[in-house]
Amino acid sequence: MASQRKDHLPSETHLTDPRALRAYTHPTRMTLVGLLRARGPFTATQAAELTGESVASCSYHLRMLAKYGLVEQAGGGQGREKPWRATAAYTVWPDHSDDPDVAAASAALSTAVAEHYFERVTRAIETRHTLPLEWQEAEQFGDSLVYLTAEELTELREQMLELVSRFEVRNADPALRPEGARLVEVLRIAFAARSGPGSAADTTDSHDTTTSDDTSSPADTTASADTTASADTTASDDTSSPGGTSSPADAGGGT
């Protein structure tokens, strides 16, 4: 199967049509785009082998993705044996819009992507015991609460992107990968608290937002194998993620 790593693709596909946004919410389509970015080009038959879906289903979903500019035929082959490739390394869509249809479709897609991510996180946790001990201990699952301005949150995002980008160069060149390296998924998630102390809904004084007996906060919650709470949740050795799906605020990202 030919290689078409994200590094060799145009940067971004922008989705602004509500129909395209809704079409991409299908989990099989997200999986196919992610696989094409990581392993493509490939045919509908090969897609079926990779996803466990039927050839007919993969063929249909690939055609729908092509309709909205997310994939295209790579040339050669006939019928379901025609190879497909991704059109860009990342997919971006509006994080806000004055058009109610676009806003609703964008929110639906963001929710679908989050559900897709966390389905994969759950699978990674459930199968963690199958990994060598060093990988079980290296994987991260945790969170932190920090007080930031919008500008500082933007700066944090850029710093995280810069850190991850140092390793992304290995995607296209196996010679750069050290011995023992595996493919690792890194999910970047950071959002302003919607309720509770310090949130936008909080009416208390900003300098007095802590309580001594509140145990409902998720801050610094970590899995037993991870003692370093992280803004990134990682999962190893799987390539069927959306593979670069991001909102405009995170257009350069790798998730």
C-alpha atoms as a PDB file:
ATOM      1  CA  MET A   1       0.000   0.000   0.000  1.00  0.00           C
ATOM      2  CA  ALA A   2       1.520   3.352  -0.997  1.00  0.00           C
ATOM      3  CA  SER A   3       2.360   5.901   1.651  1.00  0.00           C
ATOM      4  CA  GLN A   4       0.691   9.291   1.889  1.00  0.00           C
ATOM      5  CA  ARG A   5       1.664  10.689   5.275  1.00  0.00           C
ATOM      6  CA  LYS A   6       0.117  13.901   6.523  1.00  0.00           C
ATOM      7  CA  ASP A   7       3.390  15.712   5.943  1.00  0.00           C
ATOM      8  CA  HIS A   8       3.025  15.216   2.173  1.00  0.00           C
ATOM      9  CA  LEU A   9      -0.534  16.581   1.999  1.00  0.00           C
ATOM     10  CA  PRO A  10      -1.836  20.106   1.506  1.00  0.00           C
ATOM     11  CA  SER A  11      -2.396  21.683   4.894  1.00  0.00           C
ATOM     12  CA  GLU A  12      -6.138  22.119   5.357  1.00  0.00           C
ATOM     13  CA  THR A  13      -9.607  21.345   4.069  1.00  0.00           C
ATOM     14  CA  HIS A  14     -12.128  23.973   5.194  1.00  0.00           C
ATOM     15  CA  LEU A  15     -15.712  22.874   5.786  1.00  0.00           C
ATOM     16  CA  THR A  16     -18.289  25.692   5.831  1.00  0.00           C
ATOM     17  CA  ASP A  17     -21.274  24.100   4.077  1.00  0.00           C
ATOM     18  CA  PRO A  18     -23.710  22.753   6.708  1.00  0.00           C
ATOM     19  CA  ARG A  19     -24.283  19.690   4.516  1.00  0.00           C
ATOM     20  CA  ALA A  20     -20.560  18.918   4.476  1.00  0.00           C
ATOM     21  CA  LEU A  21     -20.290  19.495   8.214  1.00  0.00           C
ATOM     22  CA  ARG A  22     -23.160  17.111   8.886  1.00  0.00           C
ATOM     23  CA  ALA A  23     -21.796  14.532   6.445  1.00  0.00           C
ATOM     24  CA  TYR A  24     -18.468  14.372   8.270  1.00  0.00           C
ATOM     25  CA  THR A  25     -20.105  13.577  11.626  1.00  0.00           C
ATOM     26  CA  HIS A  26     -20.363   9.909  10.610  1.00  0.00           C
ATOM     27  CA  PRO A  27     -17.742   7.944  12.604  1.00  0.00           C
ATOM     28  CA  THR A  28     -16.861   5.660   9.688  1.00  0.00           C
ATOM     29  CA  ARG A  29     -16.069   8.687   7.540  1.00  0.00           C
ATOM     30  CA  MET A  30     -13.847  10.164  10.235  1.00  0.00           C
ATOM     31  CA  THR A  31     -12.040   6.840  10.488  1.00  0.00           C
ATOM     32  CA  LEU A  32     -11.570   6.586   6.725  1.00  0.00           C
ATOM     33  CA  VAL A  33     -10.134  10.094   6.457  1.00  0.00           C
ATOM     34  CA  GLY A  34      -7.757   9.402   9.336  1.00  0.00           C
ATOM     35  CA  LEU A  35      -6.593   6.160   7.775  1.00  0.00           C
ATOM     36  CA  LEU A  36      -6.088   7.770   4.382  1.00  0.00           C
ATOM     37  CA  ARG A  37      -3.942  10.455   5.991  1.00  0.00           C
ATOM     38  CA  ALA A  38      -1.866   7.867   7.797  1.00  0.00           C
ATOM     39  CA  ARG A  39      -1.795   4.915   5.371  1.00  0.00           C
ATOM     40  CA  GLY A  40      -3.325   5.974   2.061  1.00  0.00           C
ATOM     41  CA  PRO A  41      -3.862   5.854  -0.780  1.00  0.00           C
ATOM     42  CA  PHE A  42      -5.988   2.705  -0.641  1.00  0.00           C
ATOM     43  CA  THR A  43      -9.038   1.160  -2.275  1.00  0.00           C
ATOM     44  CA  ALA A  44     -12.506   0.497  -0.877  1.00  0.00           C
ATOM     45  CA  THR A  45     -11.525  -3.159  -0.562  1.00  0.00           C
ATOM     46  CA  GLN A  46      -8.446  -2.265   1.476  1.00  0.00           C
ATOM     47  CA  ALA A  47     -10.521   0.196   3.513  1.00  0.00           C
ATOM     48  CA  ALA A  48     -12.888  -2.624   4.405  1.00  0.00           C
ATOM     49  CA  GLU A  49      -9.970  -4.729   5.632  1.00  0.00           C
ATOM     50  CA  LEU A  50      -8.711  -1.857   7.791  1.00  0.00           C
ATOM     51  CA  THR A  51     -12.059  -0.851   9.286  1.00  0.00           C
ATOM     52  CA  GLY A  52     -14.042  -4.070   9.457  1.00  0.00           C
ATOM     53  CA  GLU A  53     -16.822  -2.456   7.413  1.00  0.00           C
ATOM     54  CA  SER A  54     -18.153  -4.004   4.211  1.00  0.00           C
ATOM     55  CA  VAL A  55     -16.618  -3.052   0.874  1.00  0.00           C
ATOM     56  CA  ALA A  56     -19.954  -1.598  -0.227  1.00  0.00           C
ATOM     57  CA  SER A  57     -20.162   0.549   2.905  1.00  0.00           C
ATOM     58  CA  CYS A  58     -16.606   1.852   2.514  1.00  0.00           C
ATOM     59  CA  SER A  59     -17.185   2.580  -1.166  1.00  0.00           C
ATOM     60  CA  TYR A  60     -20.300   4.594  -0.325  1.00  0.00           C
ATOM     61  CA  HIS A  61     -18.638   6.569   2.459  1.00  0.00           C
ATOM     62  CA  LEU A  62     -15.591   7.321   0.296  1.00  0.00           C
ATOM     63  CA  ARG A  63     -17.859   8.709  -2.417  1.00  0.00           C
ATOM     64  CA  MET A  64     -19.644  10.889   0.141  1.00  0.00           C
ATOM     65  CA  LEU A  65     -16.319  12.172   1.453  1.00  0.00           C
ATOM     66  CA  ALA A  66     -15.256  12.966  -2.112  1.00  0.00           C
ATOM     67  CA  LYS A  67     -18.495  14.881  -2.667  1.00  0.00           C
ATOM     68  CA  TYR A  68     -17.462  17.327   0.048  1.00  0.00           C
ATOM     69  CA  GLY A  69     -13.779  17.544  -0.843  1.00  0.00           C
ATOM     70  CA  LEU A  70     -12.294  15.454   1.957  1.00  0.00           C
ATOM     71  CA  VAL A  71     -10.937  12.676  -0.271  1.00  0.00           C
ATOM     72  CA  GLU A  72     -10.319  12.183  -3.969  1.00  0.00           C
ATOM     73  CA  GLN A  73      -9.437   9.396  -6.376  1.00  0.00           C
ATOM     74  CA  ALA A  74      -5.711   8.836  -6.649  1.00  0.00           C
ATOM     75  CA  GLY A  75      -5.790   7.471 -10.193  1.00  0.00           C
ATOM     76  CA  GLY A  76      -5.583   3.934 -11.525  1.00  0.00           C
ATOM     77  CA  GLY A  77      -7.778   0.919 -10.883  1.00  0.00           C
ATOM     78  CA  GLN A  78     -11.417   0.376 -11.726  1.00  0.00           C
ATOM     79  CA  GLY A  79     -14.644   0.343  -9.727  1.00  0.00           C
ATOM     80  CA  ARG A  80     -14.062  -0.457  -6.072  1.00  0.00           C
ATOM     81  CA  GLU A  81     -10.404  -1.105  -6.829  1.00  0.00           C
ATOM     82  CA  LYS A  82      -9.769   2.570  -7.558  1.00  0.00           C
ATOM     83  CA  PRO A  83      -7.431   3.990  -4.917  1.00  0.00           C
ATOM     84  CA  TRP A  84      -8.489   6.987  -2.827  1.00  0.00           C
ATOM     85  CA  ARG A  85      -6.395   9.582  -1.031  1.00  0.00           C
ATOM     86  CA  ALA A  86      -7.026  12.348   1.489  1.00  0.00           C
ATOM     87  CA  THR A  87      -7.058  15.896   0.132  1.00  0.00           C
ATOM     88  CA  ALA A  88      -5.429  17.570   3.143  1.00  0.00           C
ATOM     89  CA  ALA A  89      -3.643  16.863   6.403  1.00  0.00           C
ATOM     90  CA  TYR A  90      -6.222  18.636   8.566  1.00  0.00           C
ATOM     91  CA  THR A  91      -9.918  19.454   8.484  1.00  0.00           C
ATOM     92  CA  VAL A  92     -11.051  22.801   9.853  1.00  0.00           C
ATOM     93  CA  TRP A  93     -14.499  24.247  10.429  1.00  0.00           C
ATOM     94  CA  PRO A  94     -15.988  27.341  12.112  1.00  0.00           C
ATOM     95  CA  ASP A  95     -15.894  27.471  15.895  1.00  0.00           C
ATOM     96  CA  HIS A  96     -18.557  30.189  15.722  1.00  0.00           C
ATOM     97  CA  SER A  97     -20.809  31.575  13.005  1.00  0.00           C
ATOM     98  CA  ASP A  98     -23.575  34.144  12.606  1.00  0.00           C
ATOM     99  CA  ASP A  99     -25.342  31.658  10.335  1.00  0.00           C
ATOM    100  CA  PRO A 100     -27.476  29.469  12.630  1.00  0.00           C
ATOM    101  CA  ASP A 101     -27.302  26.490  10.250  1.00  0.00           C
ATOM    102  CA  VAL A 102     -23.506  26.639  10.101  1.00  0.00           C
ATOM    103  CA  ALA A 103     -23.255  27.153  13.866  1.00  0.00           C
ATOM    104  CA  ALA A 104     -25.503  24.161  14.588  1.00  0.00           C
ATOM    105  CA  ALA A 105     -23.734  21.897  12.087  1.00  0.00           C
ATOM    106  CA  SER A 106     -20.308  22.950  13.395  1.00  0.00           C
ATOM    107  CA  ALA A 107     -21.329  22.213  16.976  1.00  0.00           C
ATOM    108  CA  ALA A 108     -22.693  18.825  15.919  1.00  0.00           C
ATOM    109  CA  LEU A 109     -19.424  17.970  14.179  1.00  0.00           C
ATOM    110  CA  SER A 110     -17.327  19.077  17.160  1.00  0.00           C
ATOM    111  CA  THR A 111     -19.456  16.878  19.416  1.00  0.00           C
ATOM    112  CA  ALA A 112     -19.145  13.925  17.031  1.00  0.00           C
ATOM    113  CA  VAL A 113     -15.362  14.321  16.891  1.00  0.00           C
ATOM    114  CA  ALA A 114     -15.167  14.473  20.700  1.00  0.00           C
ATOM    115  CA  GLU A 115     -17.252  11.308  20.969  1.00  0.00           C
ATOM    116  CA  HIS A 116     -15.004   9.630  18.390  1.00  0.00           C
ATOM    117  CA  TYR A 117     -11.901  10.624  20.317  1.00  0.00           C
ATOM    118  CA  PHE A 118     -13.185   9.389  23.649  1.00  0.00           C
ATOM    119  CA  GLU A 119     -14.379   6.117  22.193  1.00  0.00           C
ATOM    120  CA  ARG A 120     -10.765   5.605  21.193  1.00  0.00           C
ATOM    121  CA  VAL A 121      -9.500   6.697  24.611  1.00  0.00           C
ATOM    122  CA  THR A 122     -11.826   4.181  26.263  1.00  0.00           C
ATOM    123  CA  ARG A 123     -10.558   1.444  23.952  1.00  0.00           C
ATOM    124  CA  ALA A 124      -6.962   2.377  24.766  1.00  0.00           C
ATOM    125  CA  ILE A 125      -7.639   2.190  28.506  1.00  0.00           C
ATOM    126  CA  GLU A 126      -9.405  -1.154  28.176  1.00  0.00           C
ATOM    127  CA  THR A 127      -6.470  -2.649  26.261  1.00  0.00           C
ATOM    128  CA  ARG A 128      -3.650  -0.958  28.175  1.00  0.00           C
ATOM    129  CA  HIS A 129      -2.864  -4.225  29.981  1.00  0.00           C
ATOM    130  CA  THR A 130      -1.790  -5.762  26.659  1.00  0.00           C
ATOM    131  CA  LEU A 131       1.094  -3.302  26.283  1.00  0.00           C
ATOM    132  CA  PRO A 132       4.606  -3.798  27.640  1.00  0.00           C
ATOM    133  CA  LEU A 133       4.983  -2.367  31.145  1.00  0.00           C
ATOM    134  CA  GLU A 134       7.119   0.563  29.966  1.00  0.00           C
ATOM    135  CA  TRP A 135       4.314   1.663  27.629  1.00  0.00           C
ATOM    136  CA  GLN A 136       1.646   1.220  30.282  1.00  0.00           C
ATOM    137  CA  GLU A 137       3.620   3.529  32.546  1.00  0.00           C
ATOM    138  CA  ALA A 138       4.382   6.018  29.768  1.00  0.00           C
ATOM    139  CA  GLU A 139       0.803   6.521  28.605  1.00  0.00           C
ATOM    140  CA  GLN A 140      -0.915   9.528  30.121  1.00  0.00           C
ATOM    141  CA  PHE A 141      -4.463  10.040  31.319  1.00  0.00           C
ATOM    142  CA  GLY A 142      -5.193  12.989  33.575  1.00  0.00           C
ATOM    143  CA  ASP A 143      -6.156  16.624  33.784  1.00  0.00           C
ATOM    144  CA  SER A 144      -5.376  19.927  35.493  1.00  0.00           C
ATOM    145  CA  LEU A 145      -7.269  23.088  36.380  1.00  0.00           C
ATOM    146  CA  VAL A 146      -5.426  26.366  35.812  1.00  0.00           C
ATOM    147  CA  TYR A 147      -6.465  30.021  35.756  1.00  0.00           C
ATOM    148  CA  LEU A 148      -5.670  31.563  32.361  1.00  0.00           C
ATOM    149  CA  THR A 149      -6.652  34.560  30.293  1.00  0.00           C
ATOM    150  CA  ALA A 150      -7.837  33.963  26.738  1.00  0.00           C
ATOM    151  CA  GLU A 151      -4.457  35.189  25.528  1.00  0.00           C
ATOM    152  CA  GLU A 152      -2.613  32.778  27.822  1.00  0.00           C
ATOM    153  CA  LEU A 153      -4.802  29.878  26.690  1.00  0.00           C
ATOM    154  CA  THR A 154      -3.920  30.732  23.095  1.00  0.00           C
ATOM    155  CA  GLU A 155      -0.241  30.845  24.052  1.00  0.00           C
ATOM    156  CA  LEU A 156      -0.533  27.468  25.784  1.00  0.00           C
ATOM    157  CA  ARG A 157      -2.082  25.974  22.660  1.00  0.00           C
ATOM    158  CA  GLU A 158       0.725  27.316  20.481  1.00  0.00           C
ATOM    159  CA  GLN A 159       3.356  25.947  22.862  1.00  0.00           C
ATOM    160  CA  MET A 160       1.731  22.518  22.818  1.00  0.00           C
ATOM    161  CA  LEU A 161       1.580  22.566  19.027  1.00  0.00           C
ATOM    162  CA  GLU A 162       5.231  23.541  18.830  1.00  0.00           C
ATOM    163  CA  LEU A 163       6.220  20.739  21.194  1.00  0.00           C
ATOM    164  CA  VAL A 164       4.323  18.075  19.252  1.00  0.00           C
ATOM    165  CA  SER A 165       5.558  19.373  15.895  1.00  0.00           C
ATOM    166  CA  ARG A 166       9.117  18.476  16.904  1.00  0.00           C
ATOM    167  CA  PHE A 167       8.122  14.818  16.681  1.00  0.00           C
ATOM    168  CA  GLU A 168       5.751  15.024  13.706  1.00  0.00           C
ATOM    169  CA  VAL A 169       8.707  15.229  11.306  1.00  0.00           C
ATOM    170  CA  ARG A 170       9.220  11.527  11.998  1.00  0.00           C
ATOM    171  CA  ASN A 171       5.891  10.684  10.355  1.00  0.00           C
ATOM    172  CA  ALA A 172       7.232  11.007   6.823  1.00  0.00           C
ATOM    173  CA  ASP A 173      10.721   9.634   7.417  1.00  0.00           C
ATOM    174  CA  PRO A 174      11.088   6.294   9.226  1.00  0.00           C
ATOM    175  CA  ALA A 175      14.834   6.888   9.444  1.00  0.00           C
ATOM    176  CA  LEU A 176      14.164   9.620  12.010  1.00  0.00           C
ATOM    177  CA  ARG A 177      12.298   7.269  14.352  1.00  0.00           C
ATOM    178  CA  PRO A 178      14.388   5.903  17.229  1.00  0.00           C
ATOM    179  CA  GLU A 179      14.369   2.191  17.922  1.00  0.00           C
ATOM    180  CA  GLY A 180      11.250   1.184  19.819  1.00  0.00           C
ATOM    181  CA  ALA A 181       9.167   4.140  18.632  1.00  0.00           C
ATOM    182  CA  ARG A 182       5.444   3.523  18.167  1.00  0.00           C
ATOM    183  CA  LEU A 183       2.703   5.613  16.674  1.00  0.00           C
ATOM    184  CA  VAL A 184       1.114   7.618  19.513  1.00  0.00           C
ATOM    185  CA  GLU A 185      -2.096   9.638  19.426  1.00  0.00           C
ATOM    186  CA  VAL A 186      -2.026  12.964  21.266  1.00  0.00           C
ATOM    187  CA  LEU A 187      -5.353  14.658  21.985  1.00  0.00           C
ATOM    188  CA  ARG A 188      -5.233  18.331  22.945  1.00  0.00           C
ATOM    189  CA  ILE A 189      -8.255  19.481  24.926  1.00  0.00           C
ATOM    190  CA  ALA A 190      -8.476  22.752  26.844  1.00  0.00           C
ATOM    191  CA  PHE A 191     -11.649  24.712  27.526  1.00  0.00           C
ATOM    192  CA  ALA A 192     -12.956  27.368  29.883  1.00  0.00           C
ATOM    193  CA  ALA A 193     -14.973  25.980  32.792  1.00  0.00           C
ATOM    194  CA  ARG A 194     -18.690  26.554  32.266  1.00  0.00           C
ATOM    195  CA  SER A 195     -19.723  26.347  35.916  1.00  0.00           C
ATOM    196  CA  GLY A 196     -18.290  26.351  39.413  1.00  0.00           C
ATOM    197  CA  PRO A 197     -15.658  28.571  41.029  1.00  0.00           C
ATOM    198  CA  GLY A 198     -13.666  30.645  38.568  1.00  0.00           C
ATOM    199  CA  SER A 199     -16.044  30.037  35.669  1.00  0.00           C
ATOM    200  CA  ALA A 200     -17.853  32.606  33.572  1.00  0.00           C
ATOM    201  CA  ALA A 201     -21.004  31.797  35.539  1.00  0.00           C
ATOM    202  CA  ASP A 202     -19.293  32.371  38.862  1.00  0.00           C
ATOM    203  CA  THR A 203     -20.411  35.531  40.630  1.00  0.00           C
ATOM    204  CA  THR A 204     -17.945  35.337  43.526  1.00  0.00           C
ATOM    205  CA  ASP A 205     -14.885  37.536  43.883  1.00  0.00           C
ATOM    206  CA  SER A 206     -12.178  36.384  41.467  1.00  0.00           C
ATOM    207  CA  HIS A 207      -9.619  36.328  44.280  1.00  0.00           C
ATOM    208  CA  ASP A 208     -11.694  34.039  46.495  1.00  0.00           C
ATOM    209  CA  THR A 209     -12.817  31.163  44.317  1.00  0.00           C
ATOM    210  CA  THR A 210     -11.662  28.103  46.258  1.00  0.00           C
ATOM    211  CA  THR A 211     -13.594  25.905  48.652  1.00  0.00           C
ATOM    212  CA  SER A 212     -12.030  23.500  51.111  1.00  0.00           C
ATOM    213  CA  ASP A 213     -14.539  20.659  50.930  1.00  0.00           C
ATOM    214  CA  ASP A 214     -15.478  20.489  47.252  1.00  0.00           C
ATOM    215  CA  THR A 215     -14.587  17.060  45.884  1.00  0.00           C
ATOM    216  CA  SER A 216     -16.422  17.361  42.569  1.00  0.00           C
ATOM    217  CA  SER A 217     -13.604  19.110  40.716  1.00  0.00           C
ATOM    218  CA  PRO A 218     -11.799  16.988  38.115  1.00  0.00           C
ATOM    219  CA  ALA A 219      -8.519  18.791  38.734  1.00  0.00           C
ATOM    220  CA  ASP A 220      -5.411  16.633  38.690  1.00  0.00           C
ATOM    221  CA  THR A 221      -7.375  13.399  38.345  1.00  0.00           C
ATOM    222  CA  THR A 222      -4.979  10.749  37.058  1.00  0.00           C
ATOM    223  CA  ALA A 223      -5.109   7.095  36.157  1.00  0.00           C
ATOM    224  CA  SER A 224      -3.148   4.751  38.404  1.00  0.00           C
ATOM    225  CA  ALA A 225      -0.396   4.259  35.843  1.00  0.00           C
ATOM    226  CA  ASP A 226       0.070   7.989  35.374  1.00  0.00           C
ATOM    227  CA  THR A 227       1.372  10.381  38.003  1.00  0.00           C
ATOM    228  CA  THR A 228       1.881  13.346  35.695  1.00  0.00           C
ATOM    229  CA  ALA A 229      -1.477  14.948  34.946  1.00  0.00           C
ATOM    230  CA  SER A 230      -1.457  16.189  31.394  1.00  0.00           C
ATOM    231  CA  ALA A 231      -3.479  18.353  29.048  1.00  0.00           C
ATOM    232  CA  ASP A 232      -2.831  15.690  26.418  1.00  0.00           C
ATOM    233  CA  THR A 233      -4.349  12.225  26.499  1.00  0.00           C
ATOM    234  CA  THR A 234      -2.228   9.752  24.537  1.00  0.00           C
ATOM    235  CA  ALA A 235      -2.938   6.343  23.087  1.00  0.00           C
ATOM    236  CA  SER A 236      -0.435   4.210  21.261  1.00  0.00           C
ATOM    237  CA  ASP A 237      -0.243   2.069  18.143  1.00  0.00           C
ATOM    238  CA  ASP A 238      -3.497   2.864  16.321  1.00  0.00           C
ATOM    239  CA  THR A 239      -3.957   4.898  13.171  1.00  0.00           C
ATOM    240  CA  SER A 240      -7.713   5.089  12.624  1.00  0.00           C
ATOM    241  CA  SER A 241      -8.295   8.440  14.336  1.00  0.00           C
ATOM    242  CA  PRO A 242      -9.604  11.445  12.413  1.00  0.00           C
ATOM    243  CA  GLY A 243      -5.909  12.170  11.969  1.00  0.00           C
ATOM    244  CA  GLY A 244      -5.860  15.948  11.947  1.00  0.00           C
ATOM    245  CA  THR A 245      -9.391  17.076  12.584  1.00  0.00           C
ATOM    246  CA  SER A 246      -9.368  20.512  14.177  1.00  0.00           C
ATOM    247  CA  SER A 247     -11.345  23.690  14.623  1.00  0.00           C
ATOM    248  CA  PRO A 248     -10.112  26.979  13.104  1.00  0.00           C
ATOM    249  CA  ALA A 249      -8.721  27.988  16.461  1.00  0.00           C
ATOM    250  CA  ASP A 250      -6.521  24.909  16.254  1.00  0.00           C
ATOM    251  CA  ALA A 251      -5.965  24.712  12.534  1.00  0.00           C
ATOM    252  CA  GLY A 252      -2.324  23.795  12.758  1.00  0.00           C
ATOM    253  CA  GLY A 253      -2.832  20.964  15.172  1.00  0.00           C
ATOM    254  CA  GLY A 254      -2.226  17.291  14.849  1.00  0.00           C
ATOM    255  CA  THR A 255      -5.484  15.957  16.248  1.00  0.00           C
END
